[in-house]
Amino acid sequence: MPYSYLLLFTDPPLGRVGLTEKEALAKGKRILKATRPMKSINRANEMGEIHGFAKLIVDAETDLILGASILGPGGDEIINMFAAIK
């Protein structure tokens, strides 16, 4: 199944793979989502870069990851982990 993969070189960097929340709901998926602001992530605090978020979308029935978005320090690199398991 093809999926979208996006790296946007902004400050802070944005990485996204798979479905967005809106796309998953439009496909009729029941989803679970987790969103965490960068200010609550230790590494971001240590770097002094607390703007942004990390978001994970999971299929509620199968527990499979449908998509992930990371806007924050290292987001353009960290997203590759989700791309590899998608």
PDB file of N, CA and C in Angstrom:
ATOM      1  N   MET A   1       0.848  -1.177   0.000  1.00  0.00           N
ATOM      2  CA  MET A   1       0.000   0.000   0.000  1.00  0.00           C
ATOM      3  C   MET A   1       0.897   1.245   0.000  1.00  0.00           C
ATOM      4  N   PRO A   2       0.767   2.116  -0.992  1.00  0.00           N
ATOM      5  CA  PRO A   2       1.595   3.325  -1.018  1.00  0.00           C
ATOM      6  C   PRO A   2       1.202   4.278   0.098  1.00  0.00           C
ATOM      7  N   TYR A   3       2.158   5.047   0.558  1.00  0.00           N
ATOM      8  CA  TYR A   3       1.890   6.022   1.601  1.00  0.00           C
ATOM      9  C   TYR A   3       2.662   7.285   1.305  1.00  0.00           C
ATOM     10  N   SER A   4       2.195   8.362   1.880  1.00  0.00           N
ATOM     11  CA  SER A   4       2.879   9.635   1.663  1.00  0.00           C
ATOM     12  C   SER A   4       4.015   9.785   2.667  1.00  0.00           C
ATOM     13  N   TYR A   5       5.033  10.465   2.211  1.00  0.00           N
ATOM     14  CA  TYR A   5       6.223  10.698   3.036  1.00  0.00           C
ATOM     15  C   TYR A   5       6.645  12.119   2.763  1.00  0.00           C
ATOM     16  N   LEU A   6       6.794  12.925   3.793  1.00  0.00           N
ATOM     17  CA  LEU A   6       7.095  14.332   3.618  1.00  0.00           C
ATOM     18  C   LEU A   6       8.199  14.759   4.561  1.00  0.00           C
ATOM     19  N   LEU A   7       9.183  15.419   4.009  1.00  0.00           N
ATOM     20  CA  LEU A   7      10.187  16.108   4.817  1.00  0.00           C
ATOM     21  C   LEU A   7      10.121  17.560   4.395  1.00  0.00           C
ATOM     22  N   LEU A   8       9.931  18.439   5.322  1.00  0.00           N
ATOM     23  CA  LEU A   8       9.865  19.858   5.019  1.00  0.00           C
ATOM     24  C   LEU A   8      10.959  20.542   5.813  1.00  0.00           C
ATOM     25  N   PHE A   9      11.877  21.176   5.089  1.00  0.00           N
ATOM     26  CA  PHE A   9      13.035  21.784   5.740  1.00  0.00           C
ATOM     27  C   PHE A   9      12.672  23.185   6.202  1.00  0.00           C
ATOM     28  N   THR A  10      12.103  23.222   7.387  1.00  0.00           N
ATOM     29  CA  THR A  10      11.700  24.463   8.034  1.00  0.00           C
ATOM     30  C   THR A  10      12.434  24.531   9.363  1.00  0.00           C
ATOM     31  N   ASP A  11      12.183  25.555  10.095  1.00  0.00           N
ATOM     32  CA  ASP A  11      12.765  25.664  11.426  1.00  0.00           C
ATOM     33  C   ASP A  11      11.641  25.916  12.415  1.00  0.00           C
ATOM     34  N   PRO A  12      11.196  24.939  13.193  1.00  0.00           N
ATOM     35  CA  PRO A  12      11.758  23.610  13.349  1.00  0.00           C
ATOM     36  C   PRO A  12      11.400  22.709  12.164  1.00  0.00           C
ATOM     37  N   PRO A  13      12.188  21.617  11.946  1.00  0.00           N
ATOM     38  CA  PRO A  13      11.930  20.710  10.835  1.00  0.00           C
ATOM     39  C   PRO A  13      10.620  19.937  11.018  1.00  0.00           C
ATOM     40  N   LEU A  14      10.010  19.572   9.883  1.00  0.00           N
ATOM     41  CA  LEU A  14       8.773  18.792   9.875  1.00  0.00           C
ATOM     42  C   LEU A  14       9.001  17.512   9.097  1.00  0.00           C
ATOM     43  N   GLY A  15       8.636  16.392   9.701  1.00  0.00           N
ATOM     44  CA  GLY A  15       8.643  15.106   9.021  1.00  0.00           C
ATOM     45  C   GLY A  15       7.275  14.463   9.197  1.00  0.00           C
ATOM     46  N   ARG A  16       6.757  13.867   8.106  1.00  0.00           N
ATOM     47  CA  ARG A  16       5.451  13.226   8.186  1.00  0.00           C
ATOM     48  C   ARG A  16       5.453  12.001   7.289  1.00  0.00           C
ATOM     49  N   VAL A  17       4.820  10.921   7.758  1.00  0.00           N
ATOM     50  CA  VAL A  17       4.705   9.706   6.969  1.00  0.00           C
ATOM     51  C   VAL A  17       3.330   9.094   7.205  1.00  0.00           C
ATOM     52  N   GLY A  18       2.791   8.451   6.177  1.00  0.00           N
ATOM     53  CA  GLY A  18       1.505   7.772   6.294  1.00  0.00           C
ATOM     54  C   GLY A  18       0.343   8.731   6.229  1.00  0.00           C
ATOM     55  N   LEU A  19      -0.766   8.323   6.856  1.00  0.00           N
ATOM     56  CA  LEU A  19      -1.998   9.099   6.822  1.00  0.00           C
ATOM     57  C   LEU A  19      -2.008  10.181   7.891  1.00  0.00           C
ATOM     58  N   THR A  20      -2.653  11.288   7.562  1.00  0.00           N
ATOM     59  CA  THR A  20      -2.945  12.294   8.574  1.00  0.00           C
ATOM     60  C   THR A  20      -4.203  11.844   9.308  1.00  0.00           C
ATOM     61  N   GLU A  21      -4.511  12.499  10.393  1.00  0.00           N
ATOM     62  CA  GLU A  21      -5.735  12.178  11.139  1.00  0.00           C
ATOM     63  C   GLU A  21      -6.956  12.360  10.236  1.00  0.00           C
ATOM     64  N   LYS A  22      -6.990  13.450   9.510  1.00  0.00           N
ATOM     65  CA  LYS A  22      -8.118  13.752   8.622  1.00  0.00           C
ATOM     66  C   LYS A  22      -8.267  12.683   7.531  1.00  0.00           C
ATOM     67  N   GLU A  23      -7.148  12.250   6.952  1.00  0.00           N
ATOM     68  CA  GLU A  23      -7.195  11.226   5.905  1.00  0.00           C
ATOM     69  C   GLU A  23      -7.677   9.888   6.456  1.00  0.00           C
ATOM     70  N   ALA A  24      -7.206   9.519   7.640  1.00  0.00           N
ATOM     71  CA  ALA A  24      -7.612   8.252   8.259  1.00  0.00           C
ATOM     72  C   ALA A  24      -9.112   8.244   8.545  1.00  0.00           C
ATOM     73  N   LEU A  25      -9.621   9.347   9.084  1.00  0.00           N
ATOM     74  CA  LEU A  25     -11.058   9.433   9.373  1.00  0.00           C
ATOM     75  C   LEU A  25     -11.875   9.420   8.086  1.00  0.00           C
ATOM     76  N   ALA A  26     -11.376  10.065   7.031  1.00  0.00           N
ATOM     77  CA  ALA A  26     -12.079  10.086   5.743  1.00  0.00           C
ATOM     78  C   ALA A  26     -12.160   8.682   5.138  1.00  0.00           C
ATOM     79  N   LYS A  27     -11.210   7.817   5.468  1.00  0.00           N
ATOM     80  CA  LYS A  27     -11.211   6.433   4.983  1.00  0.00           C
ATOM     81  C   LYS A  27     -12.071   5.533   5.869  1.00  0.00           C
ATOM     82  N   GLY A  28     -12.708   6.110   6.878  1.00  0.00           N
ATOM     83  CA  GLY A  28     -13.584   5.349   7.757  1.00  0.00           C
ATOM     84  C   GLY A  28     -12.856   4.577   8.848  1.00  0.00           C
ATOM     85  N   LYS A  29     -11.606   4.908   9.094  1.00  0.00           N
ATOM     86  CA  LYS A  29     -10.831   4.220  10.124  1.00  0.00           C
ATOM     87  C   LYS A  29     -11.237   4.720  11.509  1.00  0.00           C
ATOM     88  N   ARG A  30     -11.309   3.791  12.446  1.00  0.00           N
ATOM     89  CA  ARG A  30     -11.408   4.157  13.861  1.00  0.00           C
ATOM     90  C   ARG A  30      -9.988   4.321  14.340  1.00  0.00           C
ATOM     91  N   ILE A  31      -9.659   5.464  14.904  1.00  0.00           N
ATOM     92  CA  ILE A  31      -8.257   5.723  15.223  1.00  0.00           C
ATOM     93  C   ILE A  31      -8.033   6.023  16.699  1.00  0.00           C
ATOM     94  N   LEU A  32      -6.806   5.811  17.097  1.00  0.00           N
ATOM     95  CA  LEU A  32      -6.285   6.283  18.367  1.00  0.00           C
ATOM     96  C   LEU A  32      -5.207   7.278  17.994  1.00  0.00           C
ATOM     97  N   LYS A  33      -5.086   8.345  18.755  1.00  0.00           N
ATOM     98  CA  LYS A  33      -4.027   9.302  18.455  1.00  0.00           C
ATOM     99  C   LYS A  33      -3.361   9.745  19.735  1.00  0.00           C
ATOM    100  N   ALA A  34      -2.088   9.997  19.599  1.00  0.00           N
ATOM    101  CA  ALA A  34      -1.300  10.523  20.707  1.00  0.00           C
ATOM    102  C   ALA A  34      -0.589  11.763  20.200  1.00  0.00           C
ATOM    103  N   THR A  35      -0.723  12.850  20.924  1.00  0.00           N
ATOM    104  CA  THR A  35      -0.046  14.092  20.572  1.00  0.00           C
ATOM    105  C   THR A  35       0.713  14.576  21.801  1.00  0.00           C
ATOM    106  N   ARG A  36       1.948  14.964  21.578  1.00  0.00           N
ATOM    107  CA  ARG A  36       2.760  15.464  22.683  1.00  0.00           C
ATOM    108  C   ARG A  36       3.467  16.737  22.230  1.00  0.00           C
ATOM    109  N   PRO A  37       3.314  17.814  22.979  1.00  0.00           N
ATOM    110  CA  PRO A  37       4.028  19.043  22.629  1.00  0.00           C
ATOM    111  C   PRO A  37       5.524  18.883  22.884  1.00  0.00           C
ATOM    112  N   MET A  38       6.325  19.547  22.067  1.00  0.00           N
ATOM    113  CA  MET A  38       7.782  19.462  22.218  1.00  0.00           C
ATOM    114  C   MET A  38       8.246  19.937  23.595  1.00  0.00           C
ATOM    115  N   LYS A  39       7.515  20.870  24.200  1.00  0.00           N
ATOM    116  CA  LYS A  39       7.945  21.363  25.509  1.00  0.00           C
ATOM    117  C   LYS A  39       7.907  20.279  26.580  1.00  0.00           C
ATOM    118  N   SER A  40       7.230  19.152  26.311  1.00  0.00           N
ATOM    119  CA  SER A  40       7.199  18.063  27.287  1.00  0.00           C
ATOM    120  C   SER A  40       8.170  16.935  26.925  1.00  0.00           C
ATOM    121  N   ILE A  41       9.020  17.152  25.920  1.00  0.00           N
ATOM    122  CA  ILE A  41      10.011  16.164  25.503  1.00  0.00           C
ATOM    123  C   ILE A  41      11.396  16.634  25.975  1.00  0.00           C
ATOM    124  N   ASN A  42      12.038  15.815  26.787  1.00  0.00           N
ATOM    125  CA  ASN A  42      13.299  16.212  27.431  1.00  0.00           C
ATOM    126  C   ASN A  42      14.357  16.693  26.455  1.00  0.00           C
ATOM    127  N   ARG A  43      14.557  15.977  25.366  1.00  0.00           N
ATOM    128  CA  ARG A  43      15.608  16.367  24.421  1.00  0.00           C
ATOM    129  C   ARG A  43      15.348  17.759  23.849  1.00  0.00           C
ATOM    130  N   ALA A  44      14.097  18.054  23.533  1.00  0.00           N
ATOM    131  CA  ALA A  44      13.756  19.382  23.009  1.00  0.00           C
ATOM    132  C   ALA A  44      14.047  20.459  24.055  1.00  0.00           C
ATOM    133  N   ASN A  45      13.728  20.170  25.304  1.00  0.00           N
ATOM    134  CA  ASN A  45      14.015  21.123  26.384  1.00  0.00           C
ATOM    135  C   ASN A  45      15.512  21.344  26.550  1.00  0.00           C
ATOM    136  N   GLU A  46      16.281  20.265  26.478  1.00  0.00           N
ATOM    137  CA  GLU A  46      17.733  20.392  26.604  1.00  0.00           C
ATOM    138  C   GLU A  46      18.320  21.244  25.484  1.00  0.00           C
ATOM    139  N   MET A  47      17.718  21.154  24.293  1.00  0.00           N
ATOM    140  CA  MET A  47      18.202  21.922  23.146  1.00  0.00           C
ATOM    141  C   MET A  47      17.635  23.343  23.140  1.00  0.00           C
ATOM    142  N   GLY A  48      16.670  23.599  24.014  1.00  0.00           N
ATOM    143  CA  GLY A  48      16.037  24.909  24.053  1.00  0.00           C
ATOM    144  C   GLY A  48      15.117  25.164  22.871  1.00  0.00           C
ATOM    145  N   GLU A  49      14.638  24.082  22.252  1.00  0.00           N
ATOM    146  CA  GLU A  49      13.742  24.186  21.097  1.00  0.00           C
ATOM    147  C   GLU A  49      12.418  23.525  21.458  1.00  0.00           C
ATOM    148  N   ILE A  50      11.539  24.289  22.069  1.00  0.00           N
ATOM    149  CA  ILE A  50      10.314  23.707  22.621  1.00  0.00           C
ATOM    150  C   ILE A  50       9.084  23.961  21.753  1.00  0.00           C
ATOM    151  N   HIS A  51       9.256  24.497  20.555  1.00  0.00           N
ATOM    152  CA  HIS A  51       8.115  24.731  19.671  1.00  0.00           C
ATOM    153  C   HIS A  51       7.895  23.511  18.797  1.00  0.00           C
ATOM    154  N   GLY A  52       6.648  23.083  18.665  1.00  0.00           N
ATOM    155  CA  GLY A  52       6.321  21.946  17.823  1.00  0.00           C
ATOM    156  C   GLY A  52       5.604  20.857  18.594  1.00  0.00           C
ATOM    157  N   PHE A  53       5.505  19.675  17.947  1.00  0.00           N
ATOM    158  CA  PHE A  53       4.766  18.556  18.532  1.00  0.00           C
ATOM    159  C   PHE A  53       5.175  17.249  17.847  1.00  0.00           C
ATOM    160  N   ALA A  54       4.777  16.143  18.458  1.00  0.00           N
ATOM    161  CA  ALA A  54       4.888  14.812  17.860  1.00  0.00           C
ATOM    162  C   ALA A  54       3.490  14.205  17.917  1.00  0.00           C
ATOM    163  N   LYS A  55       3.063  13.582  16.810  1.00  0.00           N
ATOM    164  CA  LYS A  55       1.713  13.026  16.748  1.00  0.00           C
ATOM    165  C   LYS A  55       1.763  11.659  16.071  1.00  0.00           C
ATOM    166  N   LEU A  56       1.072  10.689  16.651  1.00  0.00           N
ATOM    167  CA  LEU A  56       1.017   9.330  16.128  1.00  0.00           C
ATOM    168  C   LEU A  56      -0.446   8.938  15.953  1.00  0.00           C
ATOM    169  N   ILE A  57      -0.765   8.380  14.781  1.00  0.00           N
ATOM    170  CA  ILE A  57      -2.117   7.913  14.470  1.00  0.00           C
ATOM    171  C   ILE A  57      -2.064   6.394  14.340  1.00  0.00           C
ATOM    172  N   VAL A  58      -2.934   5.689  15.090  1.00  0.00           N
ATOM    173  CA  VAL A  58      -2.938   4.224  15.118  1.00  0.00           C
ATOM    174  C   VAL A  58      -4.338   3.726  14.804  1.00  0.00           C
ATOM    175  N   ASP A  59      -4.433   2.637  14.042  1.00  0.00           N
ATOM    176  CA  ASP A  59      -5.711   1.995  13.754  1.00  0.00           C
ATOM    177  C   ASP A  59      -6.200   1.349  15.051  1.00  0.00           C
ATOM    178  N   ALA A  60      -7.378   1.745  15.532  1.00  0.00           N
ATOM    179  CA  ALA A  60      -7.905   1.262  16.813  1.00  0.00           C
ATOM    180  C   ALA A  60      -8.234  -0.225  16.782  1.00  0.00           C
ATOM    181  N   GLU A  61      -8.496  -0.771  15.598  1.00  0.00           N
ATOM    182  CA  GLU A  61      -8.872  -2.184  15.507  1.00  0.00           C
ATOM    183  C   GLU A  61      -7.675  -3.113  15.360  1.00  0.00           C
ATOM    184  N   THR A  62      -6.629  -2.665  14.671  1.00  0.00           N
ATOM    185  CA  THR A  62      -5.486  -3.541  14.388  1.00  0.00           C
ATOM    186  C   THR A  62      -4.223  -3.157  15.148  1.00  0.00           C
ATOM    187  N   ASP A  63      -4.213  -1.994  15.781  1.00  0.00           N
ATOM    188  CA  ASP A  63      -3.031  -1.449  16.460  1.00  0.00           C
ATOM    189  C   ASP A  63      -1.870  -1.153  15.515  1.00  0.00           C
ATOM    190  N   LEU A  64      -2.144  -1.074  14.205  1.00  0.00           N
ATOM    191  CA  LEU A  64      -1.103  -0.730  13.246  1.00  0.00           C
ATOM    192  C   LEU A  64      -0.958   0.788  13.164  1.00  0.00           C
ATOM    193  N   ILE A  65       0.279   1.241  13.020  1.00  0.00           N
ATOM    194  CA  ILE A  65       0.534   2.669  12.874  1.00  0.00           C
ATOM    195  C   ILE A  65       0.079   3.105  11.491  1.00  0.00           C
ATOM    196  N   LEU A  66      -0.790   4.102  11.451  1.00  0.00           N
ATOM    197  CA  LEU A  66      -1.293   4.637  10.189  1.00  0.00           C
ATOM    198  C   LEU A  66      -0.499   5.850   9.729  1.00  0.00           C
ATOM    199  N   GLY A  67       0.018   6.622  10.676  1.00  0.00           N
ATOM    200  CA  GLY A  67       0.760   7.816  10.304  1.00  0.00           C
ATOM    201  C   GLY A  67       1.429   8.451  11.506  1.00  0.00           C
ATOM    202  N   ALA A  68       2.411   9.287  11.197  1.00  0.00           N
ATOM    203  CA  ALA A  68       3.136  10.006  12.240  1.00  0.00           C
ATOM    204  C   ALA A  68       3.577  11.353  11.701  1.00  0.00           C
ATOM    205  N   SER A  69       3.601  12.354  12.575  1.00  0.00           N
ATOM    206  CA  SER A  69       4.082  13.684  12.228  1.00  0.00           C
ATOM    207  C   SER A  69       4.947  14.181  13.375  1.00  0.00           C
ATOM    208  N   ILE A  70       6.081  14.774  13.016  1.00  0.00           N
ATOM    209  CA  ILE A  70       6.957  15.350  14.031  1.00  0.00           C
ATOM    210  C   ILE A  70       7.397  16.718  13.551  1.00  0.00           C
ATOM    211  N   LEU A  71       7.007  17.732  14.292  1.00  0.00           N
ATOM    212  CA  LEU A  71       7.428  19.101  14.028  1.00  0.00           C
ATOM    213  C   LEU A  71       8.268  19.518  15.219  1.00  0.00           C
ATOM    214  N   GLY A  72       9.573  19.536  15.026  1.00  0.00           N
ATOM    215  CA  GLY A  72      10.446  19.884  16.131  1.00  0.00           C
ATOM    216  C   GLY A  72      11.870  19.445  15.851  1.00  0.00           C
ATOM    217  N   PRO A  73      12.754  19.629  16.814  1.00  0.00           N
ATOM    218  CA  PRO A  73      14.156  19.298  16.610  1.00  0.00           C
ATOM    219  C   PRO A  73      14.335  17.832  16.219  1.00  0.00           C
ATOM    220  N   GLY A  74      14.985  17.609  15.090  1.00  0.00           N
ATOM    221  CA  GLY A  74      15.229  16.252  14.614  1.00  0.00           C
ATOM    222  C   GLY A  74      14.039  15.600  13.951  1.00  0.00           C
ATOM    223  N   GLY A  75      12.934  16.322  13.790  1.00  0.00           N
ATOM    224  CA  GLY A  75      11.733  15.743  13.196  1.00  0.00           C
ATOM    225  C   GLY A  75      11.959  15.170  11.812  1.00  0.00           C
ATOM    226  N   ASP A  76      12.843  15.829  11.045  1.00  0.00           N
ATOM    227  CA  ASP A  76      13.138  15.363   9.699  1.00  0.00           C
ATOM    228  C   ASP A  76      13.959  14.079   9.695  1.00  0.00           C
ATOM    229  N   GLU A  77      14.629  13.770  10.797  1.00  0.00           N
ATOM    230  CA  GLU A  77      15.410  12.539  10.901  1.00  0.00           C
ATOM    231  C   GLU A  77      14.643  11.460  11.653  1.00  0.00           C
ATOM    232  N   ILE A  78      13.977  11.834  12.714  1.00  0.00           N
ATOM    233  CA  ILE A  78      13.259  10.872  13.553  1.00  0.00           C
ATOM    234  C   ILE A  78      12.139  10.184  12.775  1.00  0.00           C
ATOM    235  N   ILE A  79      11.509  10.906  11.858  1.00  0.00           N
ATOM    236  CA  ILE A  79      10.381  10.346  11.111  1.00  0.00           C
ATOM    237  C   ILE A  79      10.786   9.113  10.314  1.00  0.00           C
ATOM    238  N   ASN A  80      12.072   8.987  10.000  1.00  0.00           N
ATOM    239  CA  ASN A  80      12.547   7.824   9.249  1.00  0.00           C
ATOM    240  C   ASN A  80      12.304   6.514   9.987  1.00  0.00           C
ATOM    241  N   MET A  81      12.293   6.534  11.306  1.00  0.00           N
ATOM    242  CA  MET A  81      11.988   5.326  12.067  1.00  0.00           C
ATOM    243  C   MET A  81      10.568   4.857  11.771  1.00  0.00           C
ATOM    244  N   PHE A  82       9.633   5.811  11.688  1.00  0.00           N
ATOM    245  CA  PHE A  82       8.249   5.453  11.400  1.00  0.00           C
ATOM    246  C   PHE A  82       8.090   5.033   9.944  1.00  0.00           C
ATOM    247  N   ALA A  83       8.841   5.636   9.049  1.00  0.00           N
ATOM    248  CA  ALA A  83       8.795   5.266   7.639  1.00  0.00           C
ATOM    249  C   ALA A  83       9.274   3.820   7.462  1.00  0.00           C
ATOM    250  N   ALA A  84      10.273   3.421   8.238  1.00  0.00           N
ATOM    251  CA  ALA A  84      10.827   2.082   8.131  1.00  0.00           C
ATOM    252  C   ALA A  84       9.836   0.997   8.597  1.00  0.00           C
ATOM    253  N   ILE A  85       9.011   1.318   9.594  1.00  0.00           N
ATOM    254  CA  ILE A  85       8.066   0.314  10.107  1.00  0.00           C
ATOM    255  C   ILE A  85       6.697   0.418   9.457  1.00  0.00           C
ATOM    256  N   LYS A  86       6.456   1.473   8.727  1.00  0.00           N
ATOM    257  CA  LYS A  86       5.159   1.671   8.075  1.00  0.00           C
ATOM    258  C   LYS A  86       4.991   0.644   7.036  1.00  0.00           C
TER     259      LYS A  86
END
